Amino acid sequence: MQKVIDLRSDTVTKPSTGMRQAMVEAEVGDDVYGDDPTVNKLESLTADLLGFEAALFTASGTQANLVGILSHCGRGDEYIVGQQAHTYKYEAGGAAVFGSIQPQPIEFEPDSTLDLQKVADKIKPDDFHFAKTRLLCLENTQNGKALPIEYLSKAHAFTRANNLSLHLDGARLMNAVVKQGVEVQTITKYFDSVSLCLSKGLGAPVGSVLCGSHSFIDKARRWRKMAGGGMRQAGILAAAGIYALQNNIERLAEDHDHATILSAELSTHSNLRVEIDPAQTNMTFITMEETRATELASFLAEKKVLISPGKVTRLVTHLGVKREDIDYTLQQVEEFLRSN
């Protein structure tokens, strides 16, 4: 029987047998009291790995970014962010709703960076007419692209010169690390805070970790409680995160290879356009007429391949997708294009 090949997102990953066993054997306590040893271990492990003083386990990347922004900014403050960034577009306006913090979005550049001159133009004067610009948010990877290391250095210097804090939505941070062949702190050293998602390519079922200074994480912990994120015997979930960090980082290169194969093979078809970028990690983007993309999705669904069609259709590789699955998917796309 043909298995379901799910290319909609790397959030669809399922815990492996080894990860499930780690969850079963996890020592737990009440994390709200600070008594869950496995949560404490995950937070310590992640803080040390990313080069920060402290860390906070959260239920999701959205929650990690939310309490991070709330900890950097106060009511009436502002954060600058990319127009298509997750922290602005895909997190339900949480910072504005919960914290009365104004987002100032600007368009990304083709390499998924934010032009620092454009950022400078959006910083508000110190005048009671305006919100106070406090924070710049970046995302790595953004649209599947690893941000250039030299850009991160410039962004850091820019924020210091302009009295801003710098937050990284590191939902797929480890994809950037593997793609660029660097140590994670080569990236994280430039930021005041970083969120790291465990439930995408790293394969954990739930959770993200927010890292920062001791005082910053103390604030974030209070905001997490207010946002309903105080979990009890959360060590069962934290154990999955520990397993992910210890076992599933280097294998991300396989996902990148699969995405490269998808992009290269699909680009041979003249009736669709494939975005190929040297910084691309585990995502392939194809452009075709939207109605035709919907037809392709329906065709593939009948063949047990799941995609999310749109003006630009994103195919995401992950640990649940093997090389034979890539070959099968390519065969089915070719059949569709040949017969339609």
C-alpha atoms as a PDB file:
ATOM      1  CA  MET A   1       0.000   0.000   0.000  1.00  0.00           C
ATOM      2  CA  GLN A   2       1.308   3.438  -0.958  1.00  0.00           C
ATOM      3  CA  LYS A   3       2.067   5.499   2.141  1.00  0.00           C
ATOM      4  CA  VAL A   4       0.895   9.091   2.442  1.00  0.00           C
ATOM      5  CA  ILE A   5       3.693  11.501   1.503  1.00  0.00           C
ATOM      6  CA  ASP A   6       2.982  14.781   3.250  1.00  0.00           C
ATOM      7  CA  LEU A   7       4.830  17.753   1.761  1.00  0.00           C
ATOM      8  CA  ARG A   8       2.586  20.456   3.242  1.00  0.00           C
ATOM      9  CA  SER A   9       4.976  21.340   6.070  1.00  0.00           C
ATOM     10  CA  ASP A  10       7.687  19.973   8.334  1.00  0.00           C
ATOM     11  CA  THR A  11       5.244  20.427  11.217  1.00  0.00           C
ATOM     12  CA  VAL A  12       3.674  17.089  10.214  1.00  0.00           C
ATOM     13  CA  THR A  13       6.641  15.077  11.489  1.00  0.00           C
ATOM     14  CA  LYS A  14       5.868  12.302  13.942  1.00  0.00           C
ATOM     15  CA  PRO A  15       8.032  11.135  16.847  1.00  0.00           C
ATOM     16  CA  SER A  16      10.280   8.176  16.113  1.00  0.00           C
ATOM     17  CA  THR A  17      10.371   5.009  18.182  1.00  0.00           C
ATOM     18  CA  GLY A  18      13.442   6.272  20.039  1.00  0.00           C
ATOM     19  CA  MET A  19      11.791   9.597  20.778  1.00  0.00           C
ATOM     20  CA  ARG A  20       8.623   7.917  22.008  1.00  0.00           C
ATOM     21  CA  GLN A  21      10.678   5.721  24.328  1.00  0.00           C
ATOM     22  CA  ALA A  22      12.430   8.778  25.741  1.00  0.00           C
ATOM     23  CA  MET A  23       9.007  10.305  26.423  1.00  0.00           C
ATOM     24  CA  VAL A  24       7.805   7.158  28.168  1.00  0.00           C
ATOM     25  CA  GLU A  25      10.857   7.084  30.428  1.00  0.00           C
ATOM     26  CA  ALA A  26      10.939  10.825  31.199  1.00  0.00           C
ATOM     27  CA  GLU A  27      11.208  11.830  34.845  1.00  0.00           C
ATOM     28  CA  VAL A  28       8.586  14.479  35.529  1.00  0.00           C
ATOM     29  CA  GLY A  29       7.490  17.008  38.138  1.00  0.00           C
ATOM     30  CA  ASP A  30       5.399  20.166  38.273  1.00  0.00           C
ATOM     31  CA  ASP A  31       7.073  22.635  35.944  1.00  0.00           C
ATOM     32  CA  VAL A  32       5.104  25.621  37.256  1.00  0.00           C
ATOM     33  CA  TYR A  33       6.867  25.022  40.568  1.00  0.00           C
ATOM     34  CA  GLY A  34      10.130  24.525  38.668  1.00  0.00           C
ATOM     35  CA  ASP A  35      10.155  20.886  39.749  1.00  0.00           C
ATOM     36  CA  ASP A  36      10.194  19.072  36.412  1.00  0.00           C
ATOM     37  CA  PRO A  37      13.770  17.807  35.999  1.00  0.00           C
ATOM     38  CA  THR A  38      13.353  16.987  32.306  1.00  0.00           C
ATOM     39  CA  VAL A  39      12.052  20.453  31.451  1.00  0.00           C
ATOM     40  CA  ASN A  40      14.903  21.950  33.462  1.00  0.00           C
ATOM     41  CA  LYS A  41      17.360  19.781  31.539  1.00  0.00           C
ATOM     42  CA  LEU A  42      15.917  20.842  28.177  1.00  0.00           C
ATOM     43  CA  GLU A  43      16.092  24.508  29.107  1.00  0.00           C
ATOM     44  CA  SER A  44      19.665  24.215  30.367  1.00  0.00           C
ATOM     45  CA  LEU A  45      20.718  22.172  27.336  1.00  0.00           C
ATOM     46  CA  THR A  46      19.216  24.652  24.879  1.00  0.00           C
ATOM     47  CA  ALA A  47      20.610  27.713  26.642  1.00  0.00           C
ATOM     48  CA  ASP A  48      24.101  26.198  26.629  1.00  0.00           C
ATOM     49  CA  LEU A  49      23.788  25.075  23.007  1.00  0.00           C
ATOM     50  CA  LEU A  50      22.695  28.502  21.773  1.00  0.00           C
ATOM     51  CA  GLY A  51      25.017  30.447  24.075  1.00  0.00           C
ATOM     52  CA  PHE A  52      22.534  32.143  26.411  1.00  0.00           C
ATOM     53  CA  GLU A  53      22.197  32.433  30.173  1.00  0.00           C
ATOM     54  CA  ALA A  54      18.725  30.930  30.392  1.00  0.00           C
ATOM     55  CA  ALA A  55      15.864  29.391  28.427  1.00  0.00           C
ATOM     56  CA  LEU A  56      12.122  28.805  28.687  1.00  0.00           C
ATOM     57  CA  PHE A  57      10.167  25.835  27.311  1.00  0.00           C
ATOM     58  CA  THR A  58       6.950  26.938  25.601  1.00  0.00           C
ATOM     59  CA  ALA A  59       4.046  25.150  23.984  1.00  0.00           C
ATOM     60  CA  SER A  60       4.707  26.513  20.498  1.00  0.00           C
ATOM     61  CA  GLY A  61       6.816  28.802  18.364  1.00  0.00           C
ATOM     62  CA  THR A  62       3.990  31.317  18.388  1.00  0.00           C
ATOM     63  CA  GLN A  63       4.006  31.367  22.183  1.00  0.00           C
ATOM     64  CA  ALA A  64       7.801  31.650  22.329  1.00  0.00           C
ATOM     65  CA  ASN A  65       7.820  34.609  19.956  1.00  0.00           C
ATOM     66  CA  LEU A  66       4.849  36.226  21.707  1.00  0.00           C
ATOM     67  CA  VAL A  67       6.349  36.166  25.192  1.00  0.00           C
ATOM     68  CA  GLY A  68       9.673  37.212  23.695  1.00  0.00           C
ATOM     69  CA  ILE A  69       8.224  40.327  22.082  1.00  0.00           C
ATOM     70  CA  LEU A  70       6.212  41.096  25.220  1.00  0.00           C
ATOM     71  CA  SER A  71       9.416  40.857  27.271  1.00  0.00           C
ATOM     72  CA  HIS A  72      11.284  43.259  24.995  1.00  0.00           C
ATOM     73  CA  CYS A  73       8.516  45.826  24.536  1.00  0.00           C
ATOM     74  CA  GLY A  74       5.886  47.617  26.605  1.00  0.00           C
ATOM     75  CA  ARG A  75       2.447  49.030  25.821  1.00  0.00           C
ATOM     76  CA  GLY A  76       2.702  51.627  23.077  1.00  0.00           C
ATOM     77  CA  ASP A  77       6.097  50.369  21.893  1.00  0.00           C
ATOM     78  CA  GLU A  78       6.833  49.099  18.395  1.00  0.00           C
ATOM     79  CA  TYR A  79       8.717  46.249  16.770  1.00  0.00           C
ATOM     80  CA  ILE A  80       9.966  46.252  13.168  1.00  0.00           C
ATOM     81  CA  VAL A  81       9.418  43.025  11.272  1.00  0.00           C
ATOM     82  CA  GLY A  82       9.169  41.542   7.781  1.00  0.00           C
ATOM     83  CA  GLN A  83       5.854  41.811   5.942  1.00  0.00           C
ATOM     84  CA  GLN A  84       5.709  38.026   5.459  1.00  0.00           C
ATOM     85  CA  ALA A  85       7.383  37.136   8.754  1.00  0.00           C
ATOM     86  CA  HIS A  86       5.732  34.592  10.993  1.00  0.00           C
ATOM     87  CA  THR A  87       5.862  36.937  13.991  1.00  0.00           C
ATOM     88  CA  TYR A  88       3.812  39.477  12.051  1.00  0.00           C
ATOM     89  CA  LYS A  89       1.575  37.633   9.584  1.00  0.00           C
ATOM     90  CA  TYR A  90       0.972  34.183  11.030  1.00  0.00           C
ATOM     91  CA  GLU A  91       0.695  34.622  14.792  1.00  0.00           C
ATOM     92  CA  ALA A  92      -2.782  36.169  14.976  1.00  0.00           C
ATOM     93  CA  GLY A  93      -1.560  39.622  15.925  1.00  0.00           C
ATOM     94  CA  GLY A  94      -0.666  38.411  19.411  1.00  0.00           C
ATOM     95  CA  ALA A  95       1.770  41.166  20.339  1.00  0.00           C
ATOM     96  CA  ALA A  96      -0.779  43.828  19.398  1.00  0.00           C
ATOM     97  CA  VAL A  97      -3.661  42.040  21.109  1.00  0.00           C
ATOM     98  CA  PHE A  98      -1.910  40.977  24.330  1.00  0.00           C
ATOM     99  CA  GLY A  99       0.685  43.712  24.684  1.00  0.00           C
ATOM    100  CA  SER A 100      -0.622  46.720  22.739  1.00  0.00           C
ATOM    101  CA  ILE A 101       2.667  46.571  20.848  1.00  0.00           C
ATOM    102  CA  GLN A 102       2.574  48.061  17.372  1.00  0.00           C
ATOM    103  CA  PRO A 103       4.120  46.093  14.516  1.00  0.00           C
ATOM    104  CA  GLN A 104       5.885  48.024  11.760  1.00  0.00           C
ATOM    105  CA  PRO A 105       6.213  45.618   8.818  1.00  0.00           C
ATOM    106  CA  ILE A 106       8.468  46.179   5.806  1.00  0.00           C
ATOM    107  CA  GLU A 107       8.993  44.054   2.711  1.00  0.00           C
ATOM    108  CA  PHE A 108      11.716  41.434   2.641  1.00  0.00           C
ATOM    109  CA  GLU A 109      14.531  41.661   0.122  1.00  0.00           C
ATOM    110  CA  PRO A 110      14.939  38.806  -2.419  1.00  0.00           C
ATOM    111  CA  ASP A 111      17.472  37.102  -0.116  1.00  0.00           C
ATOM    112  CA  SER A 112      14.922  37.253   2.756  1.00  0.00           C
ATOM    113  CA  THR A 113      16.832  39.909   4.681  1.00  0.00           C
ATOM    114  CA  LEU A 114      15.426  43.263   5.760  1.00  0.00           C
ATOM    115  CA  ASP A 115      17.218  46.212   4.170  1.00  0.00           C
ATOM    116  CA  LEU A 116      18.732  48.001   7.148  1.00  0.00           C
ATOM    117  CA  GLN A 117      18.371  51.406   5.519  1.00  0.00           C
ATOM    118  CA  LYS A 118      14.650  50.723   5.121  1.00  0.00           C
ATOM    119  CA  VAL A 119      14.573  49.649   8.751  1.00  0.00           C
ATOM    120  CA  ALA A 120      16.308  52.893   9.732  1.00  0.00           C
ATOM    121  CA  ASP A 121      13.693  54.863   7.801  1.00  0.00           C
ATOM    122  CA  LYS A 122      10.941  53.228   9.888  1.00  0.00           C
ATOM    123  CA  ILE A 123      12.455  53.942  13.301  1.00  0.00           C
ATOM    124  CA  LYS A 124      10.264  56.552  14.939  1.00  0.00           C
ATOM    125  CA  PRO A 125      11.634  59.829  16.301  1.00  0.00           C
ATOM    126  CA  ASP A 126      11.673  60.248  20.074  1.00  0.00           C
ATOM    127  CA  ASP A 127       8.435  62.236  20.047  1.00  0.00           C
ATOM    128  CA  PHE A 128       5.178  61.718  21.938  1.00  0.00           C
ATOM    129  CA  HIS A 129       3.316  61.500  18.614  1.00  0.00           C
ATOM    130  CA  PHE A 130       4.895  58.140  17.869  1.00  0.00           C
ATOM    131  CA  ALA A 131       5.221  54.664  19.260  1.00  0.00           C
ATOM    132  CA  LYS A 132       8.676  53.933  20.642  1.00  0.00           C
ATOM    133  CA  THR A 133      10.659  51.650  18.343  1.00  0.00           C
ATOM    134  CA  ARG A 134      12.217  49.046  20.623  1.00  0.00           C
ATOM    135  CA  LEU A 135      12.868  45.842  18.694  1.00  0.00           C
ATOM    136  CA  LEU A 136      13.904  44.382  15.352  1.00  0.00           C
ATOM    137  CA  CYS A 137      12.681  40.845  14.611  1.00  0.00           C
ATOM    138  CA  LEU A 138      14.405  38.597  12.075  1.00  0.00           C
ATOM    139  CA  GLU A 139      13.516  35.063  11.001  1.00  0.00           C
ATOM    140  CA  ASN A 140      15.908  32.232  10.154  1.00  0.00           C
ATOM    141  CA  THR A 141      15.243  30.469   7.943  1.00  0.00           C
ATOM    142  CA  GLN A 142      12.884  32.844   6.163  1.00  0.00           C
ATOM    143  CA  ASN A 143      10.944  31.394   3.259  1.00  0.00           C
ATOM    144  CA  GLY A 144      13.297  28.449   3.471  1.00  0.00           C
ATOM    145  CA  LYS A 145      16.423  30.553   3.014  1.00  0.00           C
ATOM    146  CA  ALA A 146      19.298  30.735   5.481  1.00  0.00           C
ATOM    147  CA  LEU A 147      20.139  34.364   6.240  1.00  0.00           C
ATOM    148  CA  PRO A 148      23.741  35.368   5.394  1.00  0.00           C
ATOM    149  CA  ILE A 149      26.031  35.381   8.429  1.00  0.00           C
ATOM    150  CA  GLU A 150      27.551  38.709   7.377  1.00  0.00           C
ATOM    151  CA  TYR A 151      24.057  40.229   7.343  1.00  0.00           C
ATOM    152  CA  LEU A 152      23.451  39.102  10.922  1.00  0.00           C
ATOM    153  CA  SER A 153      26.645  40.865  11.976  1.00  0.00           C
ATOM    154  CA  LYS A 154      25.488  44.065  10.269  1.00  0.00           C
ATOM    155  CA  ALA A 155      22.022  43.786  11.810  1.00  0.00           C
ATOM    156  CA  HIS A 156      23.576  43.414  15.263  1.00  0.00           C
ATOM    157  CA  ALA A 157      25.761  46.494  14.799  1.00  0.00           C
ATOM    158  CA  PHE A 158      22.751  48.386  13.446  1.00  0.00           C
ATOM    159  CA  THR A 159      20.585  47.606  16.462  1.00  0.00           C
ATOM    160  CA  ARG A 160      23.349  48.592  18.884  1.00  0.00           C
ATOM    161  CA  ALA A 161      23.769  51.921  17.085  1.00  0.00           C
ATOM    162  CA  ASN A 162      20.018  52.550  17.170  1.00  0.00           C
ATOM    163  CA  ASN A 163      19.308  51.368  20.723  1.00  0.00           C
ATOM    164  CA  LEU A 164      17.153  48.443  19.584  1.00  0.00           C
ATOM    165  CA  SER A 165      16.973  44.873  20.820  1.00  0.00           C
ATOM    166  CA  LEU A 166      17.318  42.056  18.277  1.00  0.00           C
ATOM    167  CA  HIS A 167      15.113  38.945  18.347  1.00  0.00           C
ATOM    168  CA  LEU A 168      15.423  35.885  16.134  1.00  0.00           C
ATOM    169  CA  ASP A 169      12.463  33.729  15.268  1.00  0.00           C
ATOM    170  CA  GLY A 170      14.590  30.624  14.859  1.00  0.00           C
ATOM    171  CA  ALA A 171      11.774  28.297  13.898  1.00  0.00           C
ATOM    172  CA  ARG A 172      14.137  26.524  11.488  1.00  0.00           C
ATOM    173  CA  LEU A 173      17.394  27.786  12.965  1.00  0.00           C
ATOM    174  CA  MET A 174      19.023  24.372  12.818  1.00  0.00           C
ATOM    175  CA  ASN A 175      18.277  24.129   9.108  1.00  0.00           C
ATOM    176  CA  ALA A 176      20.322  27.305   8.667  1.00  0.00           C
ATOM    177  CA  VAL A 177      23.102  25.891  10.852  1.00  0.00           C
ATOM    178  CA  VAL A 178      23.328  22.693   8.796  1.00  0.00           C
ATOM    179  CA  LYS A 179      23.001  24.492   5.459  1.00  0.00           C
ATOM    180  CA  GLN A 180      25.777  26.943   6.267  1.00  0.00           C
ATOM    181  CA  GLY A 181      27.997  24.378   8.000  1.00  0.00           C
ATOM    182  CA  VAL A 182      28.499  26.516  11.101  1.00  0.00           C
ATOM    183  CA  GLU A 183      28.125  26.156  14.844  1.00  0.00           C
ATOM    184  CA  VAL A 184      24.773  27.419  16.077  1.00  0.00           C
ATOM    185  CA  GLN A 185      26.395  30.151  18.181  1.00  0.00           C
ATOM    186  CA  THR A 186      27.928  31.592  15.015  1.00  0.00           C
ATOM    187  CA  ILE A 187      24.360  32.717  14.341  1.00  0.00           C
ATOM    188  CA  THR A 188      22.853  33.196  17.795  1.00  0.00           C
ATOM    189  CA  LYS A 189      25.668  35.354  19.205  1.00  0.00           C
ATOM    190  CA  TYR A 190      24.261  38.357  17.396  1.00  0.00           C
ATOM    191  CA  PHE A 191      20.843  38.236  19.085  1.00  0.00           C
ATOM    192  CA  ASP A 192      19.409  39.327  22.411  1.00  0.00           C
ATOM    193  CA  SER A 193      16.842  36.524  22.257  1.00  0.00           C
ATOM    194  CA  VAL A 194      16.185  33.495  20.083  1.00  0.00           C
ATOM    195  CA  SER A 195      13.236  31.140  19.779  1.00  0.00           C
ATOM    196  CA  LEU A 196      13.964  27.609  18.545  1.00  0.00           C
ATOM    197  CA  CYS A 197      11.190  25.336  17.328  1.00  0.00           C
ATOM    198  CA  LEU A 198      11.479  21.655  18.219  1.00  0.00           C
ATOM    199  CA  SER A 199       8.382  20.446  16.371  1.00  0.00           C
ATOM    200  CA  LYS A 200       9.362  21.105  12.749  1.00  0.00           C
ATOM    201  CA  GLY A 201      12.361  19.431  11.119  1.00  0.00           C
ATOM    202  CA  LEU A 202      13.730  18.351  14.497  1.00  0.00           C
ATOM    203  CA  GLY A 203      10.743  16.032  14.802  1.00  0.00           C
ATOM    204  CA  ALA A 204       9.388  16.640  18.311  1.00  0.00           C
ATOM    205  CA  PRO A 205       5.580  16.573  18.615  1.00  0.00           C
ATOM    206  CA  VAL A 206       5.262  19.829  20.587  1.00  0.00           C
ATOM    207  CA  GLY A 207       7.240  22.793  21.768  1.00  0.00           C
ATOM    208  CA  SER A 208       9.713  25.614  21.277  1.00  0.00           C
ATOM    209  CA  VAL A 209      12.393  27.078  23.512  1.00  0.00           C
ATOM    210  CA  LEU A 210      13.007  30.795  24.054  1.00  0.00           C
ATOM    211  CA  CYS A 211      16.540  31.812  25.042  1.00  0.00           C
ATOM    212  CA  GLY A 212      17.911  35.027  26.525  1.00  0.00           C
ATOM    213  CA  SER A 213      19.455  36.533  29.628  1.00  0.00           C
ATOM    214  CA  HIS A 214      18.318  35.548  33.129  1.00  0.00           C
ATOM    215  CA  SER A 215      16.341  38.777  33.570  1.00  0.00           C
ATOM    216  CA  PHE A 216      14.750  38.451  30.133  1.00  0.00           C
ATOM    217  CA  ILE A 217      13.640  34.854  30.765  1.00  0.00           C
ATOM    218  CA  ASP A 218      12.237  35.877  34.172  1.00  0.00           C
ATOM    219  CA  LYS A 219       9.976  38.346  32.339  1.00  0.00           C
ATOM    220  CA  ALA A 220       9.118  35.791  29.692  1.00  0.00           C
ATOM    221  CA  ARG A 221       8.159  33.216  32.308  1.00  0.00           C
ATOM    222  CA  ARG A 222       5.618  35.646  33.791  1.00  0.00           C
ATOM    223  CA  TRP A 223       4.201  36.365  30.322  1.00  0.00           C
ATOM    224  CA  ARG A 224       4.039  32.642  29.563  1.00  0.00           C
ATOM    225  CA  LYS A 225       1.956  32.098  32.692  1.00  0.00           C
ATOM    226  CA  MET A 226      -0.365  34.957  31.702  1.00  0.00           C
ATOM    227  CA  ALA A 227      -0.736  33.466  28.216  1.00  0.00           C
ATOM    228  CA  GLY A 228      -1.811  30.133  29.671  1.00  0.00           C
ATOM    229  CA  GLY A 229       1.494  28.430  28.982  1.00  0.00           C
ATOM    230  CA  GLY A 230       2.289  27.173  32.473  1.00  0.00           C
ATOM    231  CA  MET A 231       2.405  23.399  31.961  1.00  0.00           C
ATOM    232  CA  ARG A 232       2.599  20.824  34.716  1.00  0.00           C
ATOM    233  CA  GLN A 233       4.253  17.436  34.063  1.00  0.00           C
ATOM    234  CA  ALA A 234       5.685  18.758  30.832  1.00  0.00           C
ATOM    235  CA  GLY A 235       8.800  16.603  31.028  1.00  0.00           C
ATOM    236  CA  ILE A 236       7.074  14.068  28.793  1.00  0.00           C
ATOM    237  CA  LEU A 237       7.160  16.698  26.051  1.00  0.00           C
ATOM    238  CA  ALA A 238      10.560  18.091  27.013  1.00  0.00           C
ATOM    239  CA  ALA A 239      12.064  14.613  26.666  1.00  0.00           C
ATOM    240  CA  ALA A 240      11.092  14.645  23.005  1.00  0.00           C
ATOM    241  CA  GLY A 241      12.840  17.998  22.618  1.00  0.00           C
ATOM    242  CA  ILE A 242      16.023  16.691  24.236  1.00  0.00           C
ATOM    243  CA  TYR A 243      15.982  13.668  21.948  1.00  0.00           C
ATOM    244  CA  ALA A 244      15.490  15.956  18.938  1.00  0.00           C
ATOM    245  CA  LEU A 245      18.460  18.142  19.831  1.00  0.00           C
ATOM    246  CA  GLN A 246      20.693  15.150  20.481  1.00  0.00           C
ATOM    247  CA  ASN A 247      19.719  13.078  17.441  1.00  0.00           C
ATOM    248  CA  ASN A 248      17.991  15.047  14.703  1.00  0.00           C
ATOM    249  CA  ILE A 249      20.128  18.056  13.817  1.00  0.00           C
ATOM    250  CA  GLU A 250      22.730  16.618  11.432  1.00  0.00           C
ATOM    251  CA  ARG A 251      20.131  14.602   9.536  1.00  0.00           C
ATOM    252  CA  LEU A 252      18.512  17.866   8.351  1.00  0.00           C
ATOM    253  CA  ALA A 253      21.068  17.757   5.515  1.00  0.00           C
ATOM    254  CA  GLU A 254      19.071  14.873   4.053  1.00  0.00           C
ATOM    255  CA  ASP A 255      15.973  17.071   3.908  1.00  0.00           C
ATOM    256  CA  HIS A 256      17.956  19.773   2.140  1.00  0.00           C
ATOM    257  CA  ASP A 257      19.226  17.259  -0.413  1.00  0.00           C
ATOM    258  CA  HIS A 258      15.683  16.076  -1.079  1.00  0.00           C
ATOM    259  CA  ALA A 259      14.474  19.636  -1.623  1.00  0.00           C
ATOM    260  CA  THR A 260      17.373  20.247  -4.015  1.00  0.00           C
ATOM    261  CA  ILE A 261      16.426  17.173  -6.021  1.00  0.00           C
ATOM    262  CA  LEU A 262      12.790  18.279  -6.151  1.00  0.00           C
ATOM    263  CA  SER A 263      13.771  21.745  -7.348  1.00  0.00           C
ATOM    264  CA  ALA A 264      16.211  20.498  -9.961  1.00  0.00           C
ATOM    265  CA  GLU A 265      13.851  17.919 -11.460  1.00  0.00           C
ATOM    266  CA  LEU A 266      10.755  20.121 -11.407  1.00  0.00           C
ATOM    267  CA  SER A 267      12.654  22.963 -13.062  1.00  0.00           C
ATOM    268  CA  THR A 268      12.984  20.849 -16.223  1.00  0.00           C
ATOM    269  CA  HIS A 269       9.262  21.339 -16.904  1.00  0.00           C
ATOM    270  CA  SER A 270       8.531  24.426 -18.973  1.00  0.00           C
ATOM    271  CA  ASN A 271       4.928  24.796 -17.768  1.00  0.00           C
ATOM    272  CA  LEU A 272       5.866  25.598 -14.179  1.00  0.00           C
ATOM    273  CA  ARG A 273       8.465  27.835 -12.597  1.00  0.00           C
ATOM    274  CA  VAL A 274      10.719  26.734  -9.762  1.00  0.00           C
ATOM    275  CA  GLU A 275      12.559  29.129  -7.476  1.00  0.00           C
ATOM    276  CA  ILE A 276      16.110  27.899  -7.004  1.00  0.00           C
ATOM    277  CA  ASP A 277      18.313  29.741  -4.530  1.00  0.00           C
ATOM    278  CA  PRO A 278      21.721  28.703  -3.151  1.00  0.00           C
ATOM    279  CA  ALA A 279      20.515  29.508   0.379  1.00  0.00           C
ATOM    280  CA  GLN A 280      17.453  27.251   0.103  1.00  0.00           C
ATOM    281  CA  THR A 281      17.129  24.556   2.762  1.00  0.00           C
ATOM    282  CA  ASN A 282      14.193  22.133   2.989  1.00  0.00           C
ATOM    283  CA  MET A 283      11.653  23.947   0.838  1.00  0.00           C
ATOM    284  CA  THR A 284      10.879  23.941  -2.875  1.00  0.00           C
ATOM    285  CA  PHE A 285       8.664  26.665  -4.333  1.00  0.00           C
ATOM    286  CA  ILE A 286       6.802  26.215  -7.597  1.00  0.00           C
ATOM    287  CA  THR A 287       4.691  28.784  -9.421  1.00  0.00           C
ATOM    288  CA  MET A 288       1.878  27.925 -11.814  1.00  0.00           C
ATOM    289  CA  GLU A 289      -1.616  29.177 -12.501  1.00  0.00           C
ATOM    290  CA  GLU A 290      -3.518  28.942  -9.215  1.00  0.00           C
ATOM    291  CA  THR A 291      -6.400  26.872 -10.585  1.00  0.00           C
ATOM    292  CA  ARG A 292      -3.885  24.492 -12.136  1.00  0.00           C
ATOM    293  CA  ALA A 293      -2.045  24.244  -8.818  1.00  0.00           C
ATOM    294  CA  THR A 294      -5.345  23.252  -7.193  1.00  0.00           C
ATOM    295  CA  GLU A 295      -5.851  20.611  -9.874  1.00  0.00           C
ATOM    296  CA  LEU A 296      -2.341  19.319  -9.245  1.00  0.00           C
ATOM    297  CA  ALA A 297      -3.030  19.093  -5.515  1.00  0.00           C
ATOM    298  CA  SER A 298      -6.227  17.106  -6.135  1.00  0.00           C
ATOM    299  CA  PHE A 299      -4.420  14.791  -8.537  1.00  0.00           C
ATOM    300  CA  LEU A 300      -1.574  14.194  -6.100  1.00  0.00           C
ATOM    301  CA  ALA A 301      -3.965  13.627  -3.193  1.00  0.00           C
ATOM    302  CA  GLU A 302      -5.456  10.714  -5.136  1.00  0.00           C
ATOM    303  CA  LYS A 303      -1.910   9.376  -5.413  1.00  0.00           C
ATOM    304  CA  LYS A 304      -1.345   9.802  -1.634  1.00  0.00           C
ATOM    305  CA  VAL A 305       0.829  12.913  -1.947  1.00  0.00           C
ATOM    306  CA  LEU A 306      -0.298  15.979   0.022  1.00  0.00           C
ATOM    307  CA  ILE A 307       0.598  19.569  -0.923  1.00  0.00           C
ATOM    308  CA  SER A 308      -0.897  22.988  -0.141  1.00  0.00           C
ATOM    309  CA  PRO A 309      -1.625  24.725  -3.469  1.00  0.00           C
ATOM    310  CA  GLY A 310      -1.543  28.476  -3.983  1.00  0.00           C
ATOM    311  CA  LYS A 311      -0.174  31.221  -6.195  1.00  0.00           C
ATOM    312  CA  VAL A 312       3.159  29.877  -5.036  1.00  0.00           C
ATOM    313  CA  THR A 313       3.076  26.257  -3.887  1.00  0.00           C
ATOM    314  CA  ARG A 314       5.536  25.223  -1.193  1.00  0.00           C
ATOM    315  CA  LEU A 315       6.807  21.659  -0.930  1.00  0.00           C
ATOM    316  CA  VAL A 316       8.508  20.940   2.381  1.00  0.00           C
ATOM    317  CA  THR A 317      10.809  17.983   3.005  1.00  0.00           C
ATOM    318  CA  HIS A 318      11.329  16.494   6.450  1.00  0.00           C
ATOM    319  CA  LEU A 319      12.274  13.325   8.315  1.00  0.00           C
ATOM    320  CA  GLY A 320       9.045  11.622   7.216  1.00  0.00           C
ATOM    321  CA  VAL A 321      10.032  11.902   3.555  1.00  0.00           C
ATOM    322  CA  LYS A 322      12.567   9.484   2.084  1.00  0.00           C
ATOM    323  CA  ARG A 323      14.409   9.533  -1.251  1.00  0.00           C
ATOM    324  CA  GLU A 324      11.975   7.021  -2.765  1.00  0.00           C
ATOM    325  CA  ASP A 325       9.126   9.346  -1.760  1.00  0.00           C
ATOM    326  CA  ILE A 326      10.769  12.174  -3.695  1.00  0.00           C
ATOM    327  CA  ASP A 327      11.113   9.945  -6.758  1.00  0.00           C
ATOM    328  CA  TYR A 328       7.488   8.844  -6.474  1.00  0.00           C
ATOM    329  CA  THR A 329       6.277  12.434  -6.137  1.00  0.00           C
ATOM    330  CA  LEU A 330       8.262  13.509  -9.195  1.00  0.00           C
ATOM    331  CA  GLN A 331       6.753  10.647 -11.188  1.00  0.00           C
ATOM    332  CA  GLN A 332       3.246  11.699 -10.226  1.00  0.00           C
ATOM    333  CA  VAL A 333       3.857  15.376 -11.054  1.00  0.00           C
ATOM    334  CA  GLU A 334       5.218  14.354 -14.432  1.00  0.00           C
ATOM    335  CA  GLU A 335       2.156  12.215 -15.079  1.00  0.00           C
ATOM    336  CA  PHE A 336      -0.117  15.135 -14.219  1.00  0.00           C
ATOM    337  CA  LEU A 337       1.749  17.553 -16.477  1.00  0.00           C
ATOM    338  CA  ARG A 338       1.784  15.028 -19.307  1.00  0.00           C
ATOM    339  CA  SER A 339      -1.932  14.255 -19.101  1.00  0.00           C
ATOM    340  CA  ASN A 340      -3.243  17.730 -18.263  1.00  0.00           C
END
